């Protein structure tokens, strides 16, 4: 179970958008993330991580996108379930019976 979110999705999007806009202008780029984080009452590293992920999702930075990460989590969960099912089948002897039936021997 995931931990409860400290910041709302709306605040996250707003803060990220503000920081990205400030970073686009060379005059306001230095310290943009720290300023926005201070104005919104959050730790600068939190906002820096959000901005970094937004850049990855936007294709301006290399890395694993949010949708790819979610898909990996789903595939890993499915893999665990299949391994558990295979282990249960192996331990109950279900696979041996299937092999005998597939050969036509009963």
N, C-alpha and C. Protein backbone atom coordinates (compact mmCIF):
# COMPACT_ATOMS: atom_id res chain seq x y z
N UNK A 1 0.84 -1.17 0.00
CA UNK A 1 0.00 0.00 0.00
C UNK A 1 0.89 1.24 0.00
N UNK A 2 0.57 2.17 -0.85
CA UNK A 2 1.37 3.38 -0.98
C UNK A 2 1.10 4.33 0.19
N UNK A 3 2.11 5.11 0.50
CA UNK A 3 1.98 6.11 1.55
C UNK A 3 1.04 7.22 1.08
N UNK A 4 0.33 7.86 2.00
CA UNK A 4 -0.55 8.95 1.59
C UNK A 4 0.26 10.12 1.02
N UNK A 5 -0.32 10.79 0.06
CA UNK A 5 0.38 11.90 -0.60
C UNK A 5 0.38 13.12 0.30
N UNK A 6 1.54 13.74 0.41
CA UNK A 6 1.68 14.94 1.23
C UNK A 6 1.18 16.16 0.48
N UNK A 7 1.34 16.14 -0.85
CA UNK A 7 0.93 17.27 -1.69
C UNK A 7 -0.10 16.79 -2.70
N UNK A 8 -1.07 17.63 -2.97
CA UNK A 8 -2.11 17.29 -3.93
C UNK A 8 -1.54 17.28 -5.35
N UNK A 9 -2.23 16.58 -6.23
CA UNK A 9 -1.81 16.56 -7.64
C UNK A 9 -1.86 17.96 -8.24
N UNK A 10 -2.84 18.73 -7.83
CA UNK A 10 -2.98 20.10 -8.35
C UNK A 10 -1.78 20.96 -7.95
N UNK A 11 -1.36 20.87 -6.69
CA UNK A 11 -0.19 21.63 -6.23
C UNK A 11 1.07 21.15 -6.95
N UNK A 12 1.18 19.87 -7.13
CA UNK A 12 2.34 19.30 -7.81
C UNK A 12 2.43 19.84 -9.25
N UNK A 13 1.32 19.82 -9.96
CA UNK A 13 1.30 20.32 -11.34
C UNK A 13 1.61 21.81 -11.39
N UNK A 14 1.02 22.57 -10.48
CA UNK A 14 1.24 24.02 -10.46
C UNK A 14 2.70 24.35 -10.16
N UNK A 15 3.25 23.71 -9.15
CA UNK A 15 4.64 23.97 -8.77
C UNK A 15 5.60 23.58 -9.90
N UNK A 16 5.34 22.45 -10.52
CA UNK A 16 6.19 22.00 -11.62
C UNK A 16 6.12 22.98 -12.78
N UNK A 17 4.92 23.40 -13.12
CA UNK A 17 4.75 24.35 -14.23
C UNK A 17 5.46 25.66 -13.94
N UNK A 18 5.33 26.17 -12.70
CA UNK A 18 6.00 27.42 -12.33
C UNK A 18 7.52 27.29 -12.46
N UNK A 19 8.06 26.19 -11.94
CA UNK A 19 9.52 26.00 -11.97
C UNK A 19 10.02 25.84 -13.40
N UNK A 20 9.29 25.09 -14.22
CA UNK A 20 9.72 24.89 -15.61
C UNK A 20 9.71 26.21 -16.36
N UNK A 21 8.68 27.03 -16.14
CA UNK A 21 8.60 28.33 -16.82
C UNK A 21 9.74 29.24 -16.40
N UNK A 22 10.05 29.27 -15.11
CA UNK A 22 11.15 30.12 -14.63
C UNK A 22 12.50 29.63 -15.15
N UNK A 23 12.65 28.35 -15.31
CA UNK A 23 13.92 27.79 -15.78
C UNK A 23 14.14 28.04 -17.27
N UNK A 24 13.10 28.35 -18.01
CA UNK A 24 13.25 28.61 -19.44
C UNK A 24 13.92 29.95 -19.71
N UNK A 25 13.75 30.92 -18.81
CA UNK A 25 14.36 32.23 -18.97
C UNK A 25 15.75 32.21 -18.33
N UNK A 26 16.80 32.49 -19.09
CA UNK A 26 18.16 32.45 -18.52
C UNK A 26 18.36 33.39 -17.33
N UNK A 27 17.61 34.49 -17.29
CA UNK A 27 17.77 35.44 -16.19
C UNK A 27 17.21 34.90 -14.87
N UNK A 28 16.18 34.06 -14.94
CA UNK A 28 15.56 33.54 -13.72
C UNK A 28 15.90 32.08 -13.46
N UNK A 29 16.69 31.48 -14.33
CA UNK A 29 17.02 30.05 -14.19
C UNK A 29 17.75 29.70 -12.89
N UNK A 30 18.81 30.43 -12.54
CA UNK A 30 19.52 30.07 -11.30
C UNK A 30 18.62 30.22 -10.07
N UNK A 31 18.48 29.15 -9.33
CA UNK A 31 17.71 29.17 -8.09
C UNK A 31 16.21 29.14 -8.28
N UNK A 32 15.73 28.87 -9.48
CA UNK A 32 14.29 28.88 -9.74
C UNK A 32 13.56 27.85 -8.89
N UNK A 33 14.10 26.67 -8.83
CA UNK A 33 13.43 25.60 -8.07
C UNK A 33 13.39 25.94 -6.59
N UNK A 34 14.47 26.46 -6.04
CA UNK A 34 14.51 26.83 -4.62
C UNK A 34 13.51 27.95 -4.31
N UNK A 35 13.40 28.92 -5.21
CA UNK A 35 12.45 30.02 -4.99
C UNK A 35 11.01 29.53 -5.00
N UNK A 36 10.67 28.74 -5.99
CA UNK A 36 9.30 28.24 -6.09
C UNK A 36 8.98 27.34 -4.90
N UNK A 37 9.91 26.47 -4.53
CA UNK A 37 9.70 25.58 -3.39
C UNK A 37 9.49 26.38 -2.11
N UNK A 38 10.28 27.42 -1.93
CA UNK A 38 10.12 28.26 -0.75
C UNK A 38 8.78 28.98 -0.72
N UNK A 39 8.33 29.45 -1.87
CA UNK A 39 7.04 30.13 -1.94
C UNK A 39 5.88 29.19 -1.63
N UNK A 40 6.01 27.94 -2.02
CA UNK A 40 4.92 26.99 -1.83
C UNK A 40 5.07 26.13 -0.58
N UNK A 41 6.16 26.32 0.16
CA UNK A 41 6.33 25.62 1.44
C UNK A 41 6.70 24.16 1.31
N UNK A 42 7.55 23.85 0.35
CA UNK A 42 7.99 22.46 0.20
C UNK A 42 9.50 22.41 0.11
N UNK A 43 10.03 21.23 0.27
CA UNK A 43 11.48 21.05 0.18
C UNK A 43 11.91 21.16 -1.28
N UNK A 44 13.00 21.87 -1.56
CA UNK A 44 13.46 22.03 -2.94
C UNK A 44 13.75 20.71 -3.66
N UNK A 45 14.22 19.70 -2.95
CA UNK A 45 14.49 18.41 -3.59
C UNK A 45 13.22 17.75 -4.09
N UNK A 46 12.13 17.94 -3.36
CA UNK A 46 10.84 17.40 -3.80
C UNK A 46 10.46 18.00 -5.14
N UNK A 47 10.54 19.31 -5.24
CA UNK A 47 10.20 19.99 -6.49
C UNK A 47 11.20 19.64 -7.58
N UNK A 48 12.47 19.53 -7.24
CA UNK A 48 13.50 19.18 -8.23
C UNK A 48 13.20 17.80 -8.84
N UNK A 49 12.77 16.85 -8.01
CA UNK A 49 12.42 15.52 -8.52
C UNK A 49 11.20 15.60 -9.44
N UNK A 50 10.21 16.41 -9.07
CA UNK A 50 9.02 16.55 -9.91
C UNK A 50 9.39 17.16 -11.27
N UNK A 51 10.24 18.19 -11.25
CA UNK A 51 10.65 18.85 -12.49
C UNK A 51 11.44 17.87 -13.36
N UNK A 52 12.34 17.11 -12.74
CA UNK A 52 13.13 16.14 -13.48
C UNK A 52 12.22 15.10 -14.14
N UNK A 53 11.22 14.61 -13.41
CA UNK A 53 10.30 13.63 -13.98
C UNK A 53 9.45 14.25 -15.09
N UNK A 54 9.06 15.50 -14.93
CA UNK A 54 8.29 16.18 -15.98
C UNK A 54 9.12 16.32 -17.24
N UNK A 55 10.41 16.57 -17.09
CA UNK A 55 11.30 16.67 -18.25
C UNK A 55 11.45 15.32 -18.94
N UNK A 56 11.52 14.24 -18.16
CA UNK A 56 11.61 12.90 -18.74
C UNK A 56 10.31 12.59 -19.49
N UNK A 57 9.18 12.86 -18.85
CA UNK A 57 7.88 12.60 -19.47
C UNK A 57 7.68 13.44 -20.73
N UNK A 58 8.24 14.65 -20.74
CA UNK A 58 8.13 15.53 -21.89
C UNK A 58 9.12 15.24 -23.00
N UNK A 59 10.07 14.34 -22.74
CA UNK A 59 11.03 13.96 -23.76
C UNK A 59 12.26 14.85 -23.85
N UNK A 60 12.42 15.78 -22.91
CA UNK A 60 13.59 16.66 -22.94
C UNK A 60 14.75 16.13 -22.12
N UNK A 61 14.52 15.03 -21.40
CA UNK A 61 15.57 14.42 -20.58
C UNK A 61 15.45 12.90 -20.73
N UNK A 62 16.58 12.23 -20.73
CA UNK A 62 16.58 10.77 -20.84
C UNK A 62 16.14 10.15 -19.51
N UNK A 63 15.44 9.04 -19.60
CA UNK A 63 15.02 8.34 -18.39
C UNK A 63 13.76 7.54 -18.64
N UNK A 64 13.25 6.94 -17.57
CA UNK A 64 12.04 6.13 -17.64
C UNK A 64 10.84 7.01 -17.39
N UNK A 65 9.93 7.04 -18.36
CA UNK A 65 8.73 7.86 -18.22
C UNK A 65 7.81 7.27 -17.18
N UNK A 66 6.88 8.08 -16.70
CA UNK A 66 5.92 7.64 -15.69
C UNK A 66 5.09 6.48 -16.21
N UNK A 67 4.64 6.57 -17.45
CA UNK A 67 3.82 5.49 -18.01
C UNK A 67 4.62 4.20 -18.15
N UNK A 68 5.89 4.30 -18.53
CA UNK A 68 6.74 3.11 -18.62
C UNK A 68 6.96 2.50 -17.24
N UNK A 69 7.17 3.32 -16.24
CA UNK A 69 7.38 2.83 -14.88
C UNK A 69 6.13 2.11 -14.37
N UNK A 70 4.95 2.67 -14.65
CA UNK A 70 3.70 2.01 -14.25
C UNK A 70 3.54 0.67 -14.94
N UNK A 71 3.87 0.63 -16.22
CA UNK A 71 3.77 -0.62 -16.98
C UNK A 71 4.73 -1.67 -16.43
N UNK A 72 5.94 -1.25 -16.05
CA UNK A 72 6.90 -2.18 -15.46
C UNK A 72 6.37 -2.76 -14.15
N UNK A 73 5.75 -1.92 -13.33
CA UNK A 73 5.18 -2.39 -12.08
C UNK A 73 4.10 -3.43 -12.35
N UNK A 74 3.24 -3.17 -13.33
CA UNK A 74 2.18 -4.12 -13.69
C UNK A 74 2.77 -5.44 -14.18
N UNK A 75 3.79 -5.37 -15.03
CA UNK A 75 4.40 -6.59 -15.55
C UNK A 75 5.10 -7.39 -14.45
N UNK A 76 5.76 -6.70 -13.52
CA UNK A 76 6.42 -7.38 -12.41
C UNK A 76 5.39 -8.07 -11.52
N UNK A 77 4.26 -7.41 -11.28
CA UNK A 77 3.19 -8.01 -10.48
C UNK A 77 2.65 -9.27 -11.17
N UNK A 78 2.41 -9.16 -12.49
CA UNK A 78 1.91 -10.30 -13.25
C UNK A 78 2.93 -11.44 -13.23
N UNK A 79 4.21 -11.10 -13.35
CA UNK A 79 5.27 -12.11 -13.32
C UNK A 79 5.28 -12.84 -11.98
N UNK A 80 5.15 -12.10 -10.88
CA UNK A 80 5.10 -12.72 -9.54
C UNK A 80 3.93 -13.67 -9.43
N UNK A 81 2.76 -13.25 -9.92
CA UNK A 81 1.57 -14.10 -9.84
C UNK A 81 1.75 -15.38 -10.66
N UNK A 82 2.33 -15.25 -11.85
CA UNK A 82 2.55 -16.43 -12.69
C UNK A 82 3.57 -17.38 -12.06
N UNK A 83 4.62 -16.83 -11.49
CA UNK A 83 5.61 -17.68 -10.82
C UNK A 83 4.98 -18.42 -9.64
N UNK A 84 4.13 -17.72 -8.88
CA UNK A 84 3.46 -18.34 -7.75
C UNK A 84 2.53 -19.47 -8.24
N UNK A 85 1.80 -19.21 -9.32
CA UNK A 85 0.90 -20.23 -9.87
C UNK A 85 1.70 -21.43 -10.38
N UNK A 86 2.81 -21.17 -11.04
CA UNK A 86 3.66 -22.27 -11.51
C UNK A 86 4.23 -23.07 -10.36
N UNK A 87 4.63 -22.39 -9.32
CA UNK A 87 5.18 -23.08 -8.14
C UNK A 87 4.10 -23.96 -7.51
N UNK A 88 2.90 -23.44 -7.41
CA UNK A 88 1.80 -24.22 -6.84
C UNK A 88 1.50 -25.44 -7.71
N UNK A 89 1.53 -25.27 -9.02
CA UNK A 89 1.27 -26.38 -9.92
C UNK A 89 2.38 -27.43 -9.81
N UNK A 90 3.63 -26.97 -9.69
CA UNK A 90 4.75 -27.90 -9.55
C UNK A 90 4.65 -28.69 -8.26
N UNK A 91 4.30 -28.01 -7.18
CA UNK A 91 4.27 -28.68 -5.89
C UNK A 91 3.08 -29.64 -5.76
N UNK A 92 2.02 -29.42 -6.54
CA UNK A 92 0.86 -30.32 -6.46
C UNK A 92 0.94 -31.43 -7.49
N UNK A 93 1.93 -31.38 -8.34
CA UNK A 93 2.07 -32.42 -9.36
C UNK A 93 1.18 -32.19 -10.56
N UNK A 94 0.59 -31.04 -10.66
CA UNK A 94 -0.33 -30.74 -11.76
C UNK A 94 0.35 -30.77 -13.11
N UNK A 95 1.58 -30.40 -13.19
CA UNK A 95 2.27 -30.36 -14.48
C UNK A 95 2.50 -31.78 -15.02
N UNK A 96 2.82 -32.72 -14.15
CA UNK A 96 3.06 -34.09 -14.61
C UNK A 96 1.79 -34.69 -15.21
N UNK A 97 0.67 -34.42 -14.57
CA UNK A 97 -0.59 -34.93 -15.08
C UNK A 97 -0.90 -34.33 -16.44
N UNK A 98 -0.64 -33.05 -16.62
CA UNK A 98 -0.89 -32.40 -17.89
C UNK A 98 -0.02 -33.01 -18.98
N UNK A 99 1.22 -33.32 -18.66
CA UNK A 99 2.11 -33.91 -19.64
C UNK A 99 1.61 -35.29 -20.06
N UNK A 100 1.12 -36.09 -19.13
CA UNK A 100 0.61 -37.41 -19.45
C UNK A 100 -0.61 -37.30 -20.36
N UNK A 101 -1.51 -36.37 -20.06
CA UNK A 101 -2.72 -36.22 -20.85
C UNK A 101 -2.39 -35.71 -22.25
N UNK A 102 -1.38 -34.87 -22.37
CA UNK A 102 -1.04 -34.34 -23.69
C UNK A 102 -0.45 -35.43 -24.59
N UNK A 103 0.13 -36.48 -24.00
CA UNK A 103 0.67 -37.58 -24.79
C UNK A 103 -0.43 -38.56 -25.19
N UNK A 104 -1.60 -38.37 -24.67
CA UNK A 104 -2.69 -39.28 -24.98
C UNK A 104 -2.75 -40.47 -24.03
N UNK A 105 -1.90 -40.51 -23.02
CA UNK A 105 -1.88 -41.62 -22.05
C UNK A 105 -2.70 -41.18 -20.85
N UNK A 106 -3.62 -42.04 -20.44
CA UNK A 106 -4.45 -41.72 -19.26
C UNK A 106 -4.28 -42.74 -18.18
